Amino acid sequence: MHPRAFVVATAIAVFAVVTVFGASPSAAHDHVIVGEYELIVGWTTEPAIVGSLNGLDLGIERHLLNGSTEWVSGVAGNLTATLRTGPSSVVKALEPQFGRPGWYTFDVIPTREGAYSVRLVGTLDTTAVDVTVDLEPVGPRSDVEFPIPDPTPSELQDRITTLSGENAALRGQVGTALVIGIGGVLLGVVGIAVGLLAGRRARRGS
């Protein structure tokens, strides 16, 4: 291979590796500026799926006067996190993430689909923190499950109960229709009998 072509091919390969494997795991997170600090907030696993283990993915970065930044470690006890969905909320303690200085987390298994938010309250050095961040909505398991799982015994029982109720309602409707139909036939027979009797009387009177 020509040396120039080899250099170009190598550069393309390196760029592809960096693009695929070097992307930041927090690319889809929200960024909130609080004083000189930047909070990077999201789920540890995105998309978030109901019933699957997940957690908060919180990065704290400090913007220095010289234009550089540094990750802020050792502040897990300075902040409290309140996770909320609908009327339900829970306060969670932050823990540092292993191998990721400046990143904190707590574990949670979302049990409901829909919107979630997290409120972070506390201090970073002398900077007061009180921010609420909307997390990515939690989706249904059907978004990622394959193949379609078999119904559980409770789901089968629910279906049987539903079908039994529908069957009982149908039987009631059929019974009502039969009663109405029989009543109509009886009325018709009575009408015919009355008509015949009136005809006989008319003939006798003539």
Foldseek 3Di string as FASTA:
>chain_A
DPPVVVVVVVVVVVVVCCVVPVDDQLPVFDWDDFPQKIKTWEKSDPPAAAQDKIKIKIAIWGQDPVRDIDADADCQVFKWKWKDDDPDIDIDGWDADPPDGRIIIDMDHHNDWFKMKMWIFGDDPPTTGTDIGIYDTHHYPVVPDPPDDDDDPVVVVVVVVVVVVVVVVVVVVVVVVVVVVVVVVVVVVVVVVVVVVVVVVVVVVD
